[in-house]
């Protein structure tokens, strides 16, 4: 999580640096609000916000999801690519884009989080942070190896990079509820992100009051969105055909890990037997003391 601190801090610094509104006299407040609301600098901030957030939520996050779905059965380094796309590129662009969005609202003199787009944007950032935390738990905190006869609903002692924890282990595939929650929350976040981007380039552009920003149905950005909202789910759905292969690989890995857990105890017994036999042989080879002579 410390690796996410840099992009988040950068986004907050951007929001704080550009979000300060100059204090005005009461009689000039409305006029200056209107000027700032349509200032070229604010327009550039809004455009940058739209581009960065669209890249983060509709390019890097889907890329991370599809990379994981397609590559994890072919390479053991799939998590590195997943982390770089989701925690690196997506985290940086989302943090800076969100900061610019907050700053542009502050510069316009309007209140924060008063419409659907603003509220949903905040919710998506929170979901993204929760998803990152959940992903770390799923990857680094794993259930201990147990016999296949163990109860499927038995709480298991787990250990990992973040210490020990008690997690519910409900599935025969060796997954806890946190694994399923991570997948479902990720798909929910991605679906909301598609809706959020469409709200942004339609609702916010139209509410800006600038005729140059108006987007009509059939424009290039609308066509791109329509294609992308079909391509991403379709690619993910095709990747689900790799699930049987993934389950087989995971089952083989669990069997191998179980053998490694049992092997030291078995070898320990053999070593004890070997030591005992060696000691008996040494005793047999020692010269016996001759009886005392009268």
C-alpha atoms as a PDB file:
ATOM      1  CA  UNK A   1       0.000   0.000   0.000  1.00  0.00           C
ATOM      2  CA  UNK A   2       2.972   2.309   0.532  1.00  0.00           C
ATOM      3  CA  UNK A   3       3.519   2.252  -3.240  1.00  0.00           C
ATOM      4  CA  UNK A   4       0.102   3.835  -3.724  1.00  0.00           C
ATOM      5  CA  UNK A   5       0.968   6.717  -1.416  1.00  0.00           C
ATOM      6  CA  UNK A   6       2.899   8.654  -4.088  1.00  0.00           C
ATOM      7  CA  UNK A   7       0.110   8.925  -6.699  1.00  0.00           C
ATOM      8  CA  UNK A   8      -2.510   9.632  -4.034  1.00  0.00           C
ATOM      9  CA  UNK A   9      -0.370  12.323  -2.429  1.00  0.00           C
ATOM     10  CA  UNK A  10       0.299  13.825  -5.861  1.00  0.00           C
ATOM     11  CA  UNK A  11      -3.410  14.029  -6.571  1.00  0.00           C
ATOM     12  CA  UNK A  12      -4.108  15.708  -3.243  1.00  0.00           C
ATOM     13  CA  UNK A  13      -1.298  18.210  -3.815  1.00  0.00           C
ATOM     14  CA  UNK A  14      -2.719  19.093  -7.224  1.00  0.00           C
ATOM     15  CA  UNK A  15      -6.167  19.591  -5.722  1.00  0.00           C
ATOM     16  CA  UNK A  16      -4.791  21.759  -2.942  1.00  0.00           C
ATOM     17  CA  UNK A  17      -2.537  23.807  -5.196  1.00  0.00           C
ATOM     18  CA  UNK A  18      -5.155  24.650  -7.800  1.00  0.00           C
ATOM     19  CA  UNK A  19      -8.289  24.374  -5.693  1.00  0.00           C
ATOM     20  CA  UNK A  20      -7.833  27.574  -3.722  1.00  0.00           C
ATOM     21  CA  UNK A  21     -10.361  30.198  -4.641  1.00  0.00           C
ATOM     22  CA  UNK A  22      -9.478  33.863  -4.363  1.00  0.00           C
ATOM     23  CA  UNK A  23     -11.578  35.651  -1.772  1.00  0.00           C
ATOM     24  CA  UNK A  24     -13.925  38.120  -3.370  1.00  0.00           C
ATOM     25  CA  UNK A  25     -16.013  41.027  -2.263  1.00  0.00           C
ATOM     26  CA  UNK A  26     -19.694  40.215  -1.852  1.00  0.00           C
ATOM     27  CA  UNK A  27     -20.817  42.578  -4.604  1.00  0.00           C
ATOM     28  CA  UNK A  28     -18.465  41.070  -7.233  1.00  0.00           C
ATOM     29  CA  UNK A  29     -18.864  37.419  -6.247  1.00  0.00           C
ATOM     30  CA  UNK A  30     -21.427  36.379  -8.895  1.00  0.00           C
ATOM     31  CA  UNK A  31     -19.579  38.057 -11.748  1.00  0.00           C
ATOM     32  CA  UNK A  32     -16.199  36.632 -10.808  1.00  0.00           C
ATOM     33  CA  UNK A  33     -17.717  33.180 -10.293  1.00  0.00           C
ATOM     34  CA  UNK A  34     -19.002  33.288 -13.858  1.00  0.00           C
ATOM     35  CA  UNK A  35     -15.609  34.412 -15.174  1.00  0.00           C
ATOM     36  CA  UNK A  36     -13.768  31.662 -13.326  1.00  0.00           C
ATOM     37  CA  UNK A  37     -16.320  29.064 -14.324  1.00  0.00           C
ATOM     38  CA  UNK A  38     -15.510  29.705 -18.003  1.00  0.00           C
ATOM     39  CA  UNK A  39     -11.821  30.604 -17.683  1.00  0.00           C
ATOM     40  CA  UNK A  40      -9.429  28.957 -20.168  1.00  0.00           C
ATOM     41  CA  UNK A  41      -7.316  27.601 -17.292  1.00  0.00           C
ATOM     42  CA  UNK A  42     -10.308  25.841 -15.737  1.00  0.00           C
ATOM     43  CA  UNK A  43     -11.292  24.425 -19.117  1.00  0.00           C
ATOM     44  CA  UNK A  44      -7.807  22.938 -19.451  1.00  0.00           C
ATOM     45  CA  UNK A  45      -8.100  21.434 -15.969  1.00  0.00           C
ATOM     46  CA  UNK A  46     -11.444  19.831 -16.811  1.00  0.00           C
ATOM     47  CA  UNK A  47     -10.105  18.422 -20.085  1.00  0.00           C
ATOM     48  CA  UNK A  48      -7.033  17.010 -18.314  1.00  0.00           C
ATOM     49  CA  UNK A  49      -9.294  15.553 -15.620  1.00  0.00           C
ATOM     50  CA  UNK A  50     -11.465  13.851 -18.237  1.00  0.00           C
ATOM     51  CA  UNK A  51      -8.516  12.398 -20.150  1.00  0.00           C
ATOM     52  CA  UNK A  52      -6.649  11.110 -17.085  1.00  0.00           C
ATOM     53  CA  UNK A  53      -9.689   9.566 -15.414  1.00  0.00           C
ATOM     54  CA  UNK A  54     -10.800   7.939 -18.668  1.00  0.00           C
ATOM     55  CA  UNK A  55      -7.308   6.485 -19.112  1.00  0.00           C
ATOM     56  CA  UNK A  56      -7.246   5.231 -15.534  1.00  0.00           C
ATOM     57  CA  UNK A  57     -10.726   3.746 -15.309  1.00  0.00           C
ATOM     58  CA  UNK A  58     -11.383   2.654 -18.901  1.00  0.00           C
ATOM     59  CA  UNK A  59      -7.902   1.746 -20.169  1.00  0.00           C
ATOM     60  CA  UNK A  60      -5.498   0.747 -17.394  1.00  0.00           C
ATOM     61  CA  UNK A  61      -8.014  -0.935 -15.072  1.00  0.00           C
ATOM     62  CA  UNK A  62      -9.609  -3.010 -17.885  1.00  0.00           C
ATOM     63  CA  UNK A  63      -6.107  -3.821 -19.163  1.00  0.00           C
ATOM     64  CA  UNK A  64      -5.144  -5.074 -15.699  1.00  0.00           C
ATOM     65  CA  UNK A  65      -8.300  -7.163 -15.447  1.00  0.00           C
ATOM     66  CA  UNK A  66      -7.899  -8.704 -18.908  1.00  0.00           C
ATOM     67  CA  UNK A  67      -4.168  -9.309 -18.404  1.00  0.00           C
ATOM     68  CA  UNK A  68      -4.918 -11.290 -15.253  1.00  0.00           C
ATOM     69  CA  UNK A  69      -7.776 -13.230 -16.809  1.00  0.00           C
ATOM     70  CA  UNK A  70      -5.727 -14.247 -19.869  1.00  0.00           C
ATOM     71  CA  UNK A  71      -2.155 -14.588 -18.595  1.00  0.00           C
ATOM     72  CA  UNK A  72      -2.332 -16.287 -15.198  1.00  0.00           C
ATOM     73  CA  UNK A  73      -2.518 -19.776 -16.733  1.00  0.00           C
ATOM     74  CA  UNK A  74       0.549 -19.151 -18.923  1.00  0.00           C
ATOM     75  CA  UNK A  75       3.001 -17.303 -16.678  1.00  0.00           C
ATOM     76  CA  UNK A  76       3.771 -17.168 -12.984  1.00  0.00           C
ATOM     77  CA  UNK A  77       4.596 -13.455 -13.305  1.00  0.00           C
ATOM     78  CA  UNK A  78       1.024 -12.453 -14.079  1.00  0.00           C
ATOM     79  CA  UNK A  79       0.672 -10.595 -10.770  1.00  0.00           C
ATOM     80  CA  UNK A  80       3.548  -8.244 -11.619  1.00  0.00           C
ATOM     81  CA  UNK A  81       1.774  -7.045 -14.758  1.00  0.00           C
ATOM     82  CA  UNK A  82      -1.523  -6.835 -12.876  1.00  0.00           C
ATOM     83  CA  UNK A  83       0.054  -4.698 -10.154  1.00  0.00           C
ATOM     84  CA  UNK A  84       1.861  -2.396 -12.623  1.00  0.00           C
ATOM     85  CA  UNK A  85      -1.340  -1.724 -14.585  1.00  0.00           C
ATOM     86  CA  UNK A  86      -3.756  -1.471 -11.632  1.00  0.00           C
ATOM     87  CA  UNK A  87      -1.600   0.001  -8.881  1.00  0.00           C
ATOM     88  CA  UNK A  88       0.924   1.904 -10.980  1.00  0.00           C
ATOM     89  CA  UNK A  89      -0.531   3.391 -14.151  1.00  0.00           C
ATOM     90  CA  UNK A  90      -4.172   3.359 -13.036  1.00  0.00           C
ATOM     91  CA  UNK A  91      -3.349   4.635  -9.542  1.00  0.00           C
ATOM     92  CA  UNK A  92      -1.289   7.557 -10.838  1.00  0.00           C
ATOM     93  CA  UNK A  93      -3.734   8.705 -13.519  1.00  0.00           C
ATOM     94  CA  UNK A  94      -6.775   8.321 -11.247  1.00  0.00           C
ATOM     95  CA  UNK A  95      -5.155  10.218  -8.376  1.00  0.00           C
ATOM     96  CA  UNK A  96      -4.036  13.152 -10.530  1.00  0.00           C
ATOM     97  CA  UNK A  97      -7.275  13.169 -12.538  1.00  0.00           C
ATOM     98  CA  UNK A  98      -9.395  13.152  -9.386  1.00  0.00           C
ATOM     99  CA  UNK A  99      -7.298  15.955  -7.917  1.00  0.00           C
ATOM    100  CA  UNK A 100      -7.780  18.066 -11.039  1.00  0.00           C
ATOM    101  CA  UNK A 101     -11.530  17.438 -10.927  1.00  0.00           C
ATOM    102  CA  UNK A 102     -11.755  18.625  -7.329  1.00  0.00           C
ATOM    103  CA  UNK A 103      -9.573  21.616  -8.166  1.00  0.00           C
ATOM    104  CA  UNK A 104     -11.709  22.638 -11.156  1.00  0.00           C
ATOM    105  CA  UNK A 105     -14.863  22.619  -9.020  1.00  0.00           C
ATOM    106  CA  UNK A 106     -13.148  24.716  -6.357  1.00  0.00           C
ATOM    107  CA  UNK A 107     -11.934  27.164  -8.981  1.00  0.00           C
ATOM    108  CA  UNK A 108     -15.457  27.577 -10.327  1.00  0.00           C
ATOM    109  CA  UNK A 109     -16.757  28.491  -6.867  1.00  0.00           C
ATOM    110  CA  UNK A 110     -19.306  25.674  -6.873  1.00  0.00           C
ATOM    111  CA  UNK A 111     -19.927  23.203  -4.067  1.00  0.00           C
ATOM    112  CA  UNK A 112     -18.315  19.782  -4.138  1.00  0.00           C
ATOM    113  CA  UNK A 113     -20.148  16.485  -4.708  1.00  0.00           C
ATOM    114  CA  UNK A 114     -23.557  17.982  -5.468  1.00  0.00           C
ATOM    115  CA  UNK A 115     -24.466  15.965  -8.585  1.00  0.00           C
ATOM    116  CA  UNK A 116     -24.381  12.351  -9.706  1.00  0.00           C
ATOM    117  CA  UNK A 117     -21.086  12.613 -11.580  1.00  0.00           C
ATOM    118  CA  UNK A 118     -19.223  14.114  -8.617  1.00  0.00           C
ATOM    119  CA  UNK A 119     -20.679  11.670  -6.081  1.00  0.00           C
ATOM    120  CA  UNK A 120     -20.044   8.668  -8.290  1.00  0.00           C
ATOM    121  CA  UNK A 121     -16.484   9.833  -8.894  1.00  0.00           C
ATOM    122  CA  UNK A 122     -15.809   9.927  -5.156  1.00  0.00           C
ATOM    123  CA  UNK A 123     -17.419   6.501  -4.745  1.00  0.00           C
ATOM    124  CA  UNK A 124     -15.221   5.064  -7.511  1.00  0.00           C
ATOM    125  CA  UNK A 125     -12.036   6.377  -5.902  1.00  0.00           C
ATOM    126  CA  UNK A 126     -13.068   4.799  -2.585  1.00  0.00           C
ATOM    127  CA  UNK A 127     -13.923   1.519  -4.336  1.00  0.00           C
ATOM    128  CA  UNK A 128     -10.545   1.594  -6.060  1.00  0.00           C
ATOM    129  CA  UNK A 129      -8.693   1.986  -2.742  1.00  0.00           C
ATOM    130  CA  UNK A 130     -10.751  -0.781  -1.118  1.00  0.00           C
ATOM    131  CA  UNK A 131     -10.067  -3.004  -4.112  1.00  0.00           C
ATOM    132  CA  UNK A 132      -6.315  -2.409  -3.832  1.00  0.00           C
ATOM    133  CA  UNK A 133      -6.358  -3.352  -0.135  1.00  0.00           C
ATOM    134  CA  UNK A 134      -8.454  -6.433  -0.857  1.00  0.00           C
ATOM    135  CA  UNK A 135      -6.120  -7.465  -3.660  1.00  0.00           C
ATOM    136  CA  UNK A 136      -3.128  -7.310  -1.308  1.00  0.00           C
ATOM    137  CA  UNK A 137      -4.967  -9.494   1.218  1.00  0.00           C
ATOM    138  CA  UNK A 138      -5.907 -12.027  -1.466  1.00  0.00           C
ATOM    139  CA  UNK A 139      -2.367 -12.252  -2.835  1.00  0.00           C
ATOM    140  CA  UNK A 140      -0.263 -12.124   0.319  1.00  0.00           C
ATOM    141  CA  UNK A 141      -2.481 -13.761   2.965  1.00  0.00           C
ATOM    142  CA  UNK A 142      -3.167 -17.328   1.966  1.00  0.00           C
ATOM    143  CA  UNK A 143      -4.859 -20.252   3.729  1.00  0.00           C
ATOM    144  CA  UNK A 144      -2.638 -22.903   5.251  1.00  0.00           C
ATOM    145  CA  UNK A 145      -2.358 -26.286   3.573  1.00  0.00           C
ATOM    146  CA  UNK A 146      -4.757 -28.816   5.134  1.00  0.00           C
ATOM    147  CA  UNK A 147      -5.944 -32.323   4.387  1.00  0.00           C
ATOM    148  CA  UNK A 148      -8.654 -32.696   1.750  1.00  0.00           C
ATOM    149  CA  UNK A 149     -10.816 -34.257   4.467  1.00  0.00           C
ATOM    150  CA  UNK A 150     -10.941 -30.988   6.407  1.00  0.00           C
ATOM    151  CA  UNK A 151     -14.301 -29.284   6.689  1.00  0.00           C
ATOM    152  CA  UNK A 152     -14.991 -26.859   3.855  1.00  0.00           C
ATOM    153  CA  UNK A 153     -16.242 -24.203   6.269  1.00  0.00           C
ATOM    154  CA  UNK A 154     -13.483 -24.576   8.851  1.00  0.00           C
ATOM    155  CA  UNK A 155     -11.624 -21.339   9.718  1.00  0.00           C
ATOM    156  CA  UNK A 156      -7.974 -21.764   8.794  1.00  0.00           C
ATOM    157  CA  UNK A 157      -4.861 -20.184  10.213  1.00  0.00           C
ATOM    158  CA  UNK A 158      -3.137 -18.213   7.482  1.00  0.00           C
ATOM    159  CA  UNK A 159       0.138 -16.436   7.212  1.00  0.00           C
ATOM    160  CA  UNK A 160       1.813 -14.155   4.736  1.00  0.00           C
ATOM    161  CA  UNK A 161       3.578 -10.866   4.231  1.00  0.00           C
ATOM    162  CA  UNK A 162       1.022  -9.051   6.392  1.00  0.00           C
ATOM    163  CA  UNK A 163       1.185 -11.492   9.289  1.00  0.00           C
ATOM    164  CA  UNK A 164      -1.304 -14.089  10.405  1.00  0.00           C
ATOM    165  CA  UNK A 165      -5.068 -13.948  10.087  1.00  0.00           C
ATOM    166  CA  UNK A 166      -8.105 -16.193  10.391  1.00  0.00           C
ATOM    167  CA  UNK A 167      -9.985 -16.396   7.104  1.00  0.00           C
ATOM    168  CA  UNK A 168     -12.947 -18.466   6.020  1.00  0.00           C
ATOM    169  CA  UNK A 169     -12.022 -21.147   3.519  1.00  0.00           C
ATOM    170  CA  UNK A 170     -15.342 -22.152   1.917  1.00  0.00           C
ATOM    171  CA  UNK A 171     -14.388 -23.620  -1.443  1.00  0.00           C
ATOM    172  CA  UNK A 172     -12.868 -26.840  -2.648  1.00  0.00           C
ATOM    173  CA  UNK A 173     -10.630 -24.824  -4.988  1.00  0.00           C
ATOM    174  CA  UNK A 174      -8.781 -23.368  -2.007  1.00  0.00           C
ATOM    175  CA  UNK A 175     -10.284 -19.869  -2.159  1.00  0.00           C
ATOM    176  CA  UNK A 176     -11.707 -17.791   0.628  1.00  0.00           C
ATOM    177  CA  UNK A 177     -14.600 -15.359   0.447  1.00  0.00           C
ATOM    178  CA  UNK A 178     -12.097 -12.529   0.044  1.00  0.00           C
ATOM    179  CA  UNK A 179     -11.115 -13.927  -3.385  1.00  0.00           C
ATOM    180  CA  UNK A 180     -14.680 -13.852  -4.680  1.00  0.00           C
ATOM    181  CA  UNK A 181     -15.268 -10.414  -3.147  1.00  0.00           C
ATOM    182  CA  UNK A 182     -12.189  -9.095  -4.973  1.00  0.00           C
ATOM    183  CA  UNK A 183     -13.448 -10.338  -8.335  1.00  0.00           C
ATOM    184  CA  UNK A 184     -17.033  -9.121  -7.877  1.00  0.00           C
ATOM    185  CA  UNK A 185     -15.969  -5.725  -6.526  1.00  0.00           C
ATOM    186  CA  UNK A 186     -13.579  -5.300  -9.441  1.00  0.00           C
ATOM    187  CA  UNK A 187     -16.289  -6.012 -12.002  1.00  0.00           C
ATOM    188  CA  UNK A 188     -18.681  -3.653 -10.186  1.00  0.00           C
ATOM    189  CA  UNK A 189     -16.050  -0.894 -10.199  1.00  0.00           C
ATOM    190  CA  UNK A 190     -15.428  -1.386 -13.904  1.00  0.00           C
ATOM    191  CA  UNK A 191     -19.142  -1.238 -14.733  1.00  0.00           C
ATOM    192  CA  UNK A 192     -19.621   1.940 -12.700  1.00  0.00           C
ATOM    193  CA  UNK A 193     -16.568   3.454 -14.391  1.00  0.00           C
ATOM    194  CA  UNK A 194     -18.167   3.044 -17.826  1.00  0.00           C
ATOM    195  CA  UNK A 195     -21.296   4.793 -16.582  1.00  0.00           C
ATOM    196  CA  UNK A 196     -19.240   7.528 -14.904  1.00  0.00           C
ATOM    197  CA  UNK A 197     -17.259   8.373 -18.026  1.00  0.00           C
ATOM    198  CA  UNK A 198     -20.442   8.630 -20.085  1.00  0.00           C
ATOM    199  CA  UNK A 199     -21.986  10.916 -17.464  1.00  0.00           C
ATOM    200  CA  UNK A 200     -18.867  13.047 -17.570  1.00  0.00           C
ATOM    201  CA  UNK A 201     -18.638  13.692 -21.284  1.00  0.00           C
ATOM    202  CA  UNK A 202     -22.402  14.178 -21.644  1.00  0.00           C
ATOM    203  CA  UNK A 203     -23.737  15.719 -18.430  1.00  0.00           C
ATOM    204  CA  UNK A 204     -20.715  17.771 -17.381  1.00  0.00           C
ATOM    205  CA  UNK A 205     -19.956  19.022 -20.878  1.00  0.00           C
ATOM    206  CA  UNK A 206     -23.569  20.133 -21.351  1.00  0.00           C
ATOM    207  CA  UNK A 207     -23.760  21.725 -17.896  1.00  0.00           C
ATOM    208  CA  UNK A 208     -20.579  23.696 -18.523  1.00  0.00           C
ATOM    209  CA  UNK A 209     -22.450  26.217 -20.651  1.00  0.00           C
ATOM    210  CA  UNK A 210     -19.754  26.268 -23.332  1.00  0.00           C
ATOM    211  CA  UNK A 211     -21.215  25.526 -26.761  1.00  0.00           C
ATOM    212  CA  UNK A 212     -17.808  24.385 -28.024  1.00  0.00           C
ATOM    213  CA  UNK A 213     -17.922  21.508 -25.532  1.00  0.00           C
ATOM    214  CA  UNK A 214     -21.310  20.110 -26.547  1.00  0.00           C
ATOM    215  CA  UNK A 215     -21.274  16.483 -27.660  1.00  0.00           C
ATOM    216  CA  UNK A 216     -24.015  15.000 -29.773  1.00  0.00           C
ATOM    217  CA  UNK A 217     -24.970  11.361 -30.266  1.00  0.00           C
ATOM    218  CA  UNK A 218     -22.837   9.859 -33.020  1.00  0.00           C
ATOM    219  CA  UNK A 219     -19.700  11.881 -32.254  1.00  0.00           C
ATOM    220  CA  UNK A 220     -16.373  10.062 -32.281  1.00  0.00           C
ATOM    221  CA  UNK A 221     -16.124   9.834 -28.490  1.00  0.00           C
ATOM    222  CA  UNK A 222     -19.596   8.293 -28.322  1.00  0.00           C
ATOM    223  CA  UNK A 223     -18.690   5.715 -30.962  1.00  0.00           C
ATOM    224  CA  UNK A 224     -15.478   4.813 -29.134  1.00  0.00           C
ATOM    225  CA  UNK A 225     -17.383   4.394 -25.864  1.00  0.00           C
ATOM    226  CA  UNK A 226     -20.034   2.204 -27.549  1.00  0.00           C
ATOM    227  CA  UNK A 227     -17.363  -0.071 -29.023  1.00  0.00           C
ATOM    228  CA  UNK A 228     -15.274  -0.266 -25.839  1.00  0.00           C
ATOM    229  CA  UNK A 229     -18.248  -1.103 -23.607  1.00  0.00           C
ATOM    230  CA  UNK A 230     -18.788  -4.193 -25.777  1.00  0.00           C
ATOM    231  CA  UNK A 231     -15.147  -5.201 -26.369  1.00  0.00           C
ATOM    232  CA  UNK A 232     -14.059  -5.283 -22.704  1.00  0.00           C
ATOM    233  CA  UNK A 233     -16.852  -7.556 -21.364  1.00  0.00           C
ATOM    234  CA  UNK A 234     -16.571  -9.768 -24.455  1.00  0.00           C
ATOM    235  CA  UNK A 235     -12.810 -10.199 -23.991  1.00  0.00           C
ATOM    236  CA  UNK A 236     -13.309 -10.995 -20.301  1.00  0.00           C
ATOM    237  CA  UNK A 237     -16.051 -13.495 -21.085  1.00  0.00           C
ATOM    238  CA  UNK A 238     -13.857 -15.305 -23.622  1.00  0.00           C
ATOM    239  CA  UNK A 239     -11.108 -15.443 -20.994  1.00  0.00           C
ATOM    240  CA  UNK A 240     -13.424 -17.409 -18.708  1.00  0.00           C
ATOM    241  CA  UNK A 241     -12.805 -20.404 -20.991  1.00  0.00           C
ATOM    242  CA  UNK A 242      -9.393 -20.620 -19.304  1.00  0.00           C
ATOM    243  CA  UNK A 243     -10.934 -21.240 -15.869  1.00  0.00           C
ATOM    244  CA  UNK A 244     -10.778 -25.081 -16.098  1.00  0.00           C
ATOM    245  CA  UNK A 245      -7.076 -24.843 -16.949  1.00  0.00           C
ATOM    246  CA  UNK A 246      -6.554 -22.446 -14.036  1.00  0.00           C
ATOM    247  CA  UNK A 247      -8.381 -24.752 -11.606  1.00  0.00           C
ATOM    248  CA  UNK A 248      -6.242 -27.736 -12.699  1.00  0.00           C
ATOM    249  CA  UNK A 249      -3.030 -25.790 -12.204  1.00  0.00           C
ATOM    250  CA  UNK A 250      -4.123 -24.590  -8.783  1.00  0.00           C
ATOM    251  CA  UNK A 251      -5.090 -28.137  -7.722  1.00  0.00           C
ATOM    252  CA  UNK A 252      -1.676 -29.443  -8.786  1.00  0.00           C
ATOM    253  CA  UNK A 253       0.046 -26.630  -6.907  1.00  0.00           C
ATOM    254  CA  UNK A 254      -1.919 -27.429  -3.732  1.00  0.00           C
ATOM    255  CA  UNK A 255      -0.988 -31.108  -3.970  1.00  0.00           C
ATOM    256  CA  UNK A 256       2.684 -30.236  -4.400  1.00  0.00           C
ATOM    257  CA  UNK A 257       2.541 -27.857  -1.448  1.00  0.00           C
ATOM    258  CA  UNK A 258       0.850 -30.493   0.706  1.00  0.00           C
ATOM    259  CA  UNK A 259       3.643 -32.955  -0.110  1.00  0.00           C
ATOM    260  CA  UNK A 260       6.240 -30.393   0.907  1.00  0.00           C
ATOM    261  CA  UNK A 261       4.437 -29.886   4.208  1.00  0.00           C
ATOM    262  CA  UNK A 262       4.335 -33.636   4.938  1.00  0.00           C
ATOM    263  CA  UNK A 263       7.844 -34.440   3.698  1.00  0.00           C
ATOM    264  CA  UNK A 264       9.940 -32.882   6.517  1.00  0.00           C
ATOM    265  CA  UNK A 265       8.108 -34.925   9.176  1.00  0.00           C
ATOM    266  CA  UNK A 266       8.590 -38.156   7.240  1.00  0.00           C
ATOM    267  CA  UNK A 267      12.258 -37.427   6.621  1.00  0.00           C
ATOM    268  CA  UNK A 268      12.686 -36.589  10.296  1.00  0.00           C
ATOM    269  CA  UNK A 269      11.504 -40.097  11.261  1.00  0.00           C
ATOM    270  CA  UNK A 270      13.865 -41.664   8.725  1.00  0.00           C
ATOM    271  CA  UNK A 271      16.786 -39.612  10.018  1.00  0.00           C
ATOM    272  CA  UNK A 272      16.034 -40.721  13.582  1.00  0.00           C
ATOM    273  CA  UNK A 273      15.998 -44.357  12.480  1.00  0.00           C
ATOM    274  CA  UNK A 274      19.263 -43.922  10.608  1.00  0.00           C
ATOM    275  CA  UNK A 275      20.896 -42.332  13.644  1.00  0.00           C
ATOM    276  CA  UNK A 276      19.705 -45.179  15.868  1.00  0.00           C
ATOM    277  CA  UNK A 277      21.039 -47.822  13.468  1.00  0.00           C
ATOM    278  CA  UNK A 278      24.326 -45.951  13.162  1.00  0.00           C
ATOM    279  CA  UNK A 279      24.685 -45.749  16.939  1.00  0.00           C
ATOM    280  CA  UNK A 280      24.008 -49.481  17.276  1.00  0.00           C
ATOM    281  CA  UNK A 281      26.615 -50.234  14.619  1.00  0.00           C
ATOM    282  CA  UNK A 282      29.203 -48.075  16.369  1.00  0.00           C
ATOM    283  CA  UNK A 283      28.513 -49.817  19.664  1.00  0.00           C
ATOM    284  CA  UNK A 284      28.910 -53.207  18.016  1.00  0.00           C
ATOM    285  CA  UNK A 285      32.254 -52.209  16.508  1.00  0.00           C
ATOM    286  CA  UNK A 286      33.735 -50.937  19.750  1.00  0.00           C
ATOM    287  CA  UNK A 287      36.223 -53.352  21.356  1.00  0.00           C
ATOM    288  CA  UNK A 288      34.857 -54.994  24.422  1.00  0.00           C
ATOM    289  CA  UNK A 289      36.948 -54.580  27.574  1.00  0.00           C
ATOM    290  CA  UNK A 290      38.813 -57.765  28.532  1.00  0.00           C
ATOM    291  CA  UNK A 291      37.785 -59.374  31.814  1.00  0.00           C
ATOM    292  CA  UNK A 292      40.094 -58.662  34.744  1.00  0.00           C
ATOM    293  CA  UNK A 293      42.770 -61.345  35.318  1.00  0.00           C
ATOM    294  CA  UNK A 294      43.073 -63.021  38.673  1.00  0.00           C
END
